[in-house]
């Protein structure tokens, strides 16, 4: 989608995959190829889900219904929430986004990416 093109780097899954850098430095081409394939799939999932959520929120608004918060359960490093947060902010919407995740390192990575993207 066109809205992905202007997205800041911290919101783009491909630019935030730490193992990729190591595979590239070690010239481990088979692992690099596998990870890039997984990231392309992840990008498609994020685009699809962000589009669904955005369409649902806009339909609710058109019907005179409000939504104050979107919750992403098992949100990992926040790929979906970051893309959705940027998209909603870009469109002037004000819904709050919450990511629920059990892995502390994922929560920390997600928080760092939110700050880097200016979505706090």
N, C-alpha and C. Protein backbone atom coordinates (compact mmCIF):
# COMPACT_ATOMS: atom_id res chain seq x y z
N UNK A 1 0.82 -1.20 0.00
CA UNK A 1 0.00 0.00 0.00
C UNK A 1 0.86 1.27 0.00
N UNK A 2 0.30 2.35 -0.49
CA UNK A 2 1.02 3.61 -0.55
C UNK A 2 1.42 4.13 0.83
N UNK A 3 0.60 3.89 1.84
CA UNK A 3 0.90 4.45 3.15
C UNK A 3 2.16 3.86 3.76
N UNK A 4 2.61 2.70 3.32
CA UNK A 4 3.82 2.07 3.86
C UNK A 4 5.06 2.84 3.43
N UNK A 5 5.03 3.45 2.27
CA UNK A 5 6.22 4.11 1.71
C UNK A 5 6.76 5.23 2.59
N UNK A 6 5.92 5.98 3.25
CA UNK A 6 6.38 7.09 4.06
C UNK A 6 6.65 6.75 5.51
N UNK A 7 6.49 5.49 5.86
CA UNK A 7 6.61 5.06 7.24
C UNK A 7 8.06 5.22 7.76
N UNK A 8 8.24 5.74 8.98
CA UNK A 8 9.60 5.86 9.52
C UNK A 8 10.23 4.49 9.76
N UNK A 9 11.55 4.43 9.67
CA UNK A 9 12.30 3.18 9.79
C UNK A 9 11.94 2.30 10.97
N UNK A 10 11.77 2.85 12.18
CA UNK A 10 11.45 1.97 13.31
C UNK A 10 10.13 1.22 13.16
N UNK A 11 9.28 1.66 12.25
CA UNK A 11 7.98 1.01 12.05
C UNK A 11 8.04 -0.10 11.00
N UNK A 12 9.17 -0.23 10.30
CA UNK A 12 9.29 -1.19 9.21
C UNK A 12 9.99 -2.45 9.72
N UNK A 13 9.31 -3.61 9.72
CA UNK A 13 9.93 -4.83 10.26
C UNK A 13 11.28 -5.17 9.65
N UNK A 14 11.44 -5.01 8.35
CA UNK A 14 12.69 -5.37 7.69
C UNK A 14 13.89 -4.58 8.19
N UNK A 15 13.64 -3.36 8.63
CA UNK A 15 14.74 -2.51 9.08
C UNK A 15 15.07 -2.72 10.56
N UNK A 16 14.36 -3.61 11.22
CA UNK A 16 14.55 -3.81 12.64
C UNK A 16 14.81 -5.26 13.01
N UNK A 17 15.30 -6.02 12.06
CA UNK A 17 15.61 -7.42 12.31
C UNK A 17 17.09 -7.54 12.62
N UNK A 18 17.43 -7.69 13.88
CA UNK A 18 18.81 -7.71 14.31
C UNK A 18 19.61 -8.89 13.75
N UNK A 19 19.06 -10.11 13.66
CA UNK A 19 19.84 -11.22 13.11
C UNK A 19 20.31 -10.99 11.67
N UNK A 20 19.55 -10.23 10.89
CA UNK A 20 19.94 -9.99 9.50
C UNK A 20 21.33 -9.38 9.39
N UNK A 21 21.62 -8.45 10.25
CA UNK A 21 22.92 -7.78 10.19
C UNK A 21 24.05 -8.77 10.40
N UNK A 22 23.87 -9.66 11.37
CA UNK A 22 24.89 -10.68 11.64
C UNK A 22 25.05 -11.65 10.47
N UNK A 23 23.95 -12.08 9.88
CA UNK A 23 24.03 -12.99 8.74
C UNK A 23 24.76 -12.33 7.59
N UNK A 24 24.50 -11.04 7.39
CA UNK A 24 25.15 -10.32 6.30
C UNK A 24 26.66 -10.20 6.56
N UNK A 25 27.02 -9.83 7.79
CA UNK A 25 28.43 -9.67 8.15
C UNK A 25 29.19 -10.99 8.02
N UNK A 26 28.54 -12.10 8.38
CA UNK A 26 29.18 -13.42 8.27
C UNK A 26 29.07 -14.01 6.87
N UNK A 27 28.36 -13.31 6.01
CA UNK A 27 28.10 -13.79 4.65
C UNK A 27 27.42 -15.15 4.65
N UNK A 28 26.48 -15.28 5.58
CA UNK A 28 25.69 -16.52 5.68
C UNK A 28 24.47 -16.38 4.79
N UNK A 29 24.65 -16.55 3.51
CA UNK A 29 23.62 -16.27 2.52
C UNK A 29 22.37 -17.13 2.67
N UNK A 30 22.49 -18.44 2.98
CA UNK A 30 21.25 -19.22 3.14
C UNK A 30 20.36 -18.70 4.28
N UNK A 31 20.96 -18.36 5.43
CA UNK A 31 20.15 -17.82 6.54
C UNK A 31 19.61 -16.44 6.20
N UNK A 32 20.41 -15.63 5.52
CA UNK A 32 19.95 -14.32 5.12
C UNK A 32 18.75 -14.43 4.18
N UNK A 33 18.83 -15.32 3.23
CA UNK A 33 17.72 -15.53 2.29
C UNK A 33 16.46 -15.99 3.03
N UNK A 34 16.63 -16.93 3.97
CA UNK A 34 15.47 -17.43 4.74
C UNK A 34 14.82 -16.32 5.55
N UNK A 35 15.65 -15.51 6.23
CA UNK A 35 15.11 -14.44 7.06
C UNK A 35 14.43 -13.36 6.22
N UNK A 36 15.01 -13.05 5.07
CA UNK A 36 14.38 -12.05 4.20
C UNK A 36 13.01 -12.54 3.73
N UNK A 37 12.89 -13.83 3.45
CA UNK A 37 11.60 -14.40 3.07
C UNK A 37 10.59 -14.28 4.19
N UNK A 38 11.03 -14.57 5.42
CA UNK A 38 10.13 -14.46 6.57
C UNK A 38 9.70 -13.01 6.78
N UNK A 39 10.64 -12.07 6.56
CA UNK A 39 10.31 -10.66 6.76
C UNK A 39 9.34 -10.15 5.69
N UNK A 40 9.47 -10.65 4.47
CA UNK A 40 8.50 -10.27 3.44
C UNK A 40 7.10 -10.74 3.83
N UNK A 41 7.04 -11.96 4.37
CA UNK A 41 5.75 -12.49 4.82
C UNK A 41 5.21 -11.66 5.99
N UNK A 42 6.09 -11.31 6.92
CA UNK A 42 5.69 -10.50 8.08
C UNK A 42 5.16 -9.14 7.61
N UNK A 43 5.84 -8.54 6.64
CA UNK A 43 5.42 -7.24 6.11
C UNK A 43 4.02 -7.34 5.52
N UNK A 44 3.74 -8.41 4.78
CA UNK A 44 2.42 -8.61 4.19
C UNK A 44 1.37 -8.76 5.27
N UNK A 45 1.69 -9.50 6.32
CA UNK A 45 0.75 -9.68 7.43
C UNK A 45 0.45 -8.34 8.11
N UNK A 46 1.49 -7.56 8.37
CA UNK A 46 1.32 -6.26 9.03
C UNK A 46 0.47 -5.33 8.16
N UNK A 47 0.78 -5.28 6.86
CA UNK A 47 -0.01 -4.43 5.96
C UNK A 47 -1.47 -4.85 5.95
N UNK A 48 -1.71 -6.15 5.87
CA UNK A 48 -3.08 -6.67 5.81
C UNK A 48 -3.84 -6.35 7.10
N UNK A 49 -3.23 -6.68 8.23
CA UNK A 49 -3.92 -6.46 9.51
C UNK A 49 -4.12 -4.98 9.82
N UNK A 50 -3.13 -4.15 9.52
CA UNK A 50 -3.28 -2.71 9.75
C UNK A 50 -4.40 -2.16 8.87
N UNK A 51 -4.50 -2.66 7.65
CA UNK A 51 -5.58 -2.24 6.76
C UNK A 51 -6.95 -2.65 7.30
N UNK A 52 -7.03 -3.88 7.83
CA UNK A 52 -8.31 -4.34 8.40
C UNK A 52 -8.73 -3.50 9.60
N UNK A 53 -7.79 -3.28 10.51
CA UNK A 53 -8.11 -2.51 11.73
C UNK A 53 -8.49 -1.08 11.37
N UNK A 54 -7.73 -0.47 10.47
CA UNK A 54 -8.03 0.89 10.06
C UNK A 54 -9.41 0.99 9.42
N UNK A 55 -9.72 0.05 8.55
CA UNK A 55 -11.04 0.05 7.89
C UNK A 55 -12.15 -0.10 8.93
N UNK A 56 -11.95 -0.96 9.91
CA UNK A 56 -12.95 -1.18 10.96
C UNK A 56 -13.15 0.10 11.78
N UNK A 57 -12.04 0.75 12.14
CA UNK A 57 -12.14 2.00 12.92
C UNK A 57 -12.86 3.09 12.12
N UNK A 58 -12.54 3.19 10.84
CA UNK A 58 -13.19 4.20 10.01
C UNK A 58 -14.67 3.90 9.82
N UNK A 59 -15.02 2.61 9.69
CA UNK A 59 -16.44 2.23 9.57
C UNK A 59 -17.19 2.57 10.85
N UNK A 60 -16.56 2.34 12.00
CA UNK A 60 -17.20 2.69 13.28
C UNK A 60 -17.42 4.20 13.37
N UNK A 61 -16.42 4.95 12.97
CA UNK A 61 -16.55 6.43 13.00
C UNK A 61 -17.68 6.89 12.10
N UNK A 62 -17.75 6.30 10.90
CA UNK A 62 -18.81 6.68 9.95
C UNK A 62 -20.19 6.36 10.49
N UNK A 63 -20.26 5.33 11.35
CA UNK A 63 -21.54 4.94 11.94
C UNK A 63 -21.83 5.70 13.24
N UNK A 64 -20.95 6.64 13.59
CA UNK A 64 -21.15 7.42 14.80
C UNK A 64 -20.70 6.72 16.07
N UNK A 65 -19.93 5.64 15.92
CA UNK A 65 -19.41 4.89 17.06
C UNK A 65 -17.94 5.23 17.26
N UNK A 66 -17.52 5.29 18.50
CA UNK A 66 -16.12 5.61 18.74
C UNK A 66 -15.36 4.39 19.23
N UNK A 67 -14.08 4.44 19.06
CA UNK A 67 -13.16 3.44 19.62
C UNK A 67 -12.02 4.22 20.23
N UNK A 68 -11.77 4.00 21.49
CA UNK A 68 -10.74 4.77 22.17
C UNK A 68 -9.42 4.03 22.23
N UNK A 69 -9.46 2.70 22.12
CA UNK A 69 -8.23 1.92 22.29
C UNK A 69 -8.25 0.68 21.42
N UNK A 70 -7.06 0.34 20.92
CA UNK A 70 -6.84 -0.90 20.17
C UNK A 70 -5.81 -1.69 20.96
N UNK A 71 -6.08 -2.96 21.22
CA UNK A 71 -5.17 -3.81 21.98
C UNK A 71 -4.63 -4.91 21.07
N UNK A 72 -3.32 -5.05 21.06
CA UNK A 72 -2.63 -6.08 20.29
C UNK A 72 -2.11 -7.12 21.27
N UNK A 73 -2.81 -8.23 21.39
CA UNK A 73 -2.39 -9.30 22.29
C UNK A 73 -1.29 -10.13 21.64
N UNK A 74 -0.29 -10.50 22.43
CA UNK A 74 0.88 -11.24 21.94
C UNK A 74 1.53 -10.46 20.80
N UNK A 75 1.74 -9.16 21.04
CA UNK A 75 2.20 -8.24 20.00
C UNK A 75 3.68 -8.28 19.70
N UNK A 76 4.45 -9.13 20.37
CA UNK A 76 5.87 -9.25 20.07
C UNK A 76 6.60 -7.93 20.21
N UNK A 77 7.42 -7.61 19.22
CA UNK A 77 8.21 -6.38 19.24
C UNK A 77 7.40 -5.18 18.78
N UNK A 78 6.12 -5.40 18.51
CA UNK A 78 5.22 -4.29 18.18
C UNK A 78 5.13 -3.94 16.72
N UNK A 79 5.46 -4.88 15.84
CA UNK A 79 5.43 -4.58 14.40
C UNK A 79 4.06 -4.06 13.96
N UNK A 80 3.00 -4.76 14.32
CA UNK A 80 1.66 -4.33 13.93
C UNK A 80 1.30 -3.01 14.61
N UNK A 81 1.54 -2.92 15.90
CA UNK A 81 1.17 -1.71 16.64
C UNK A 81 1.92 -0.48 16.13
N UNK A 82 3.19 -0.64 15.78
CA UNK A 82 3.95 0.49 15.25
C UNK A 82 3.41 0.95 13.91
N UNK A 83 3.16 0.01 13.02
CA UNK A 83 2.61 0.36 11.71
C UNK A 83 1.24 1.01 11.87
N UNK A 84 0.41 0.42 12.70
CA UNK A 84 -0.92 0.94 12.92
C UNK A 84 -0.88 2.30 13.60
N UNK A 85 0.01 2.45 14.58
CA UNK A 85 0.15 3.73 15.27
C UNK A 85 0.57 4.84 14.32
N UNK A 86 1.53 4.53 13.46
CA UNK A 86 1.96 5.54 12.50
C UNK A 86 0.84 5.88 11.53
N UNK A 87 0.14 4.86 11.06
CA UNK A 87 -0.95 5.06 10.10
C UNK A 87 -2.07 5.89 10.71
N UNK A 88 -2.46 5.58 11.94
CA UNK A 88 -3.53 6.32 12.60
C UNK A 88 -3.12 7.77 12.87
N UNK A 89 -1.88 7.95 13.30
CA UNK A 89 -1.38 9.31 13.55
C UNK A 89 -1.34 10.10 12.23
N UNK A 90 -0.88 9.45 11.17
CA UNK A 90 -0.80 10.09 9.86
C UNK A 90 -2.18 10.52 9.36
N UNK A 91 -3.20 9.77 9.74
CA UNK A 91 -4.58 10.09 9.32
C UNK A 91 -5.32 10.96 10.33
N UNK A 92 -4.62 11.41 11.36
CA UNK A 92 -5.23 12.32 12.33
C UNK A 92 -6.18 11.65 13.31
N UNK A 93 -6.03 10.38 13.51
CA UNK A 93 -6.91 9.66 14.44
C UNK A 93 -6.27 9.66 15.82
N UNK A 94 -7.06 9.40 16.85
CA UNK A 94 -6.55 9.51 18.21
C UNK A 94 -6.66 8.26 19.07
N UNK A 95 -6.89 7.11 18.46
CA UNK A 95 -7.01 5.89 19.27
C UNK A 95 -5.69 5.56 19.97
N UNK A 96 -5.82 5.08 21.18
CA UNK A 96 -4.65 4.64 21.95
C UNK A 96 -4.36 3.19 21.57
N UNK A 97 -3.07 2.85 21.45
CA UNK A 97 -2.66 1.48 21.12
C UNK A 97 -1.94 0.88 22.31
N UNK A 98 -2.31 -0.34 22.64
CA UNK A 98 -1.67 -1.06 23.74
C UNK A 98 -1.21 -2.41 23.22
N UNK A 99 0.04 -2.76 23.52
CA UNK A 99 0.58 -4.07 23.15
C UNK A 99 0.74 -4.88 24.42
N UNK A 100 0.20 -6.08 24.42
CA UNK A 100 0.35 -7.00 25.53
C UNK A 100 1.34 -8.08 25.08
N UNK A 101 2.46 -8.19 25.80
CA UNK A 101 3.51 -9.15 25.45
C UNK A 101 4.19 -9.64 26.72
N UNK A 102 4.46 -10.94 26.79
CA UNK A 102 5.08 -11.51 27.98
C UNK A 102 6.61 -11.43 27.99
N UNK A 103 7.24 -11.47 26.82
CA UNK A 103 8.71 -11.47 26.75
C UNK A 103 9.26 -10.06 26.98
N UNK A 104 9.99 -9.91 28.05
CA UNK A 104 10.53 -8.61 28.44
C UNK A 104 11.39 -7.98 27.34
N UNK A 105 12.23 -8.79 26.69
CA UNK A 105 13.11 -8.23 25.65
C UNK A 105 12.31 -7.68 24.48
N UNK A 106 11.20 -8.32 24.15
CA UNK A 106 10.34 -7.81 23.07
C UNK A 106 9.70 -6.49 23.47
N UNK A 107 9.27 -6.41 24.73
CA UNK A 107 8.66 -5.18 25.23
C UNK A 107 9.67 -4.04 25.16
N UNK A 108 10.91 -4.31 25.59
CA UNK A 108 11.94 -3.28 25.57
C UNK A 108 12.26 -2.85 24.14
N UNK A 109 12.36 -3.81 23.21
CA UNK A 109 12.62 -3.46 21.81
C UNK A 109 11.46 -2.62 21.26
N UNK A 110 10.25 -3.02 21.57
CA UNK A 110 9.08 -2.29 21.10
C UNK A 110 9.05 -0.87 21.63
N UNK A 111 9.32 -0.70 22.90
CA UNK A 111 9.35 0.65 23.49
C UNK A 111 10.40 1.52 22.82
N UNK A 112 11.57 0.95 22.58
CA UNK A 112 12.64 1.70 21.93
C UNK A 112 12.21 2.13 20.52
N UNK A 113 11.58 1.23 19.81
CA UNK A 113 11.14 1.55 18.45
C UNK A 113 10.04 2.62 18.45
N UNK A 114 9.14 2.58 19.43
CA UNK A 114 8.09 3.60 19.54
C UNK A 114 8.72 4.98 19.74
N UNK A 115 9.70 5.06 20.63
CA UNK A 115 10.38 6.34 20.88
C UNK A 115 11.11 6.82 19.63
N UNK A 116 11.82 5.90 18.95
CA UNK A 116 12.56 6.27 17.74
C UNK A 116 11.62 6.76 16.64
N UNK A 117 10.41 6.20 16.59
CA UNK A 117 9.45 6.59 15.56
C UNK A 117 8.68 7.86 15.93
N UNK A 118 8.85 8.32 17.17
CA UNK A 118 8.13 9.52 17.62
C UNK A 118 6.65 9.29 17.84
N UNK A 119 6.30 8.09 18.26
CA UNK A 119 4.88 7.75 18.44
C UNK A 119 4.46 7.72 19.91
N UNK A 120 5.21 8.32 20.78
CA UNK A 120 4.85 8.29 22.20
C UNK A 120 3.74 9.26 22.50
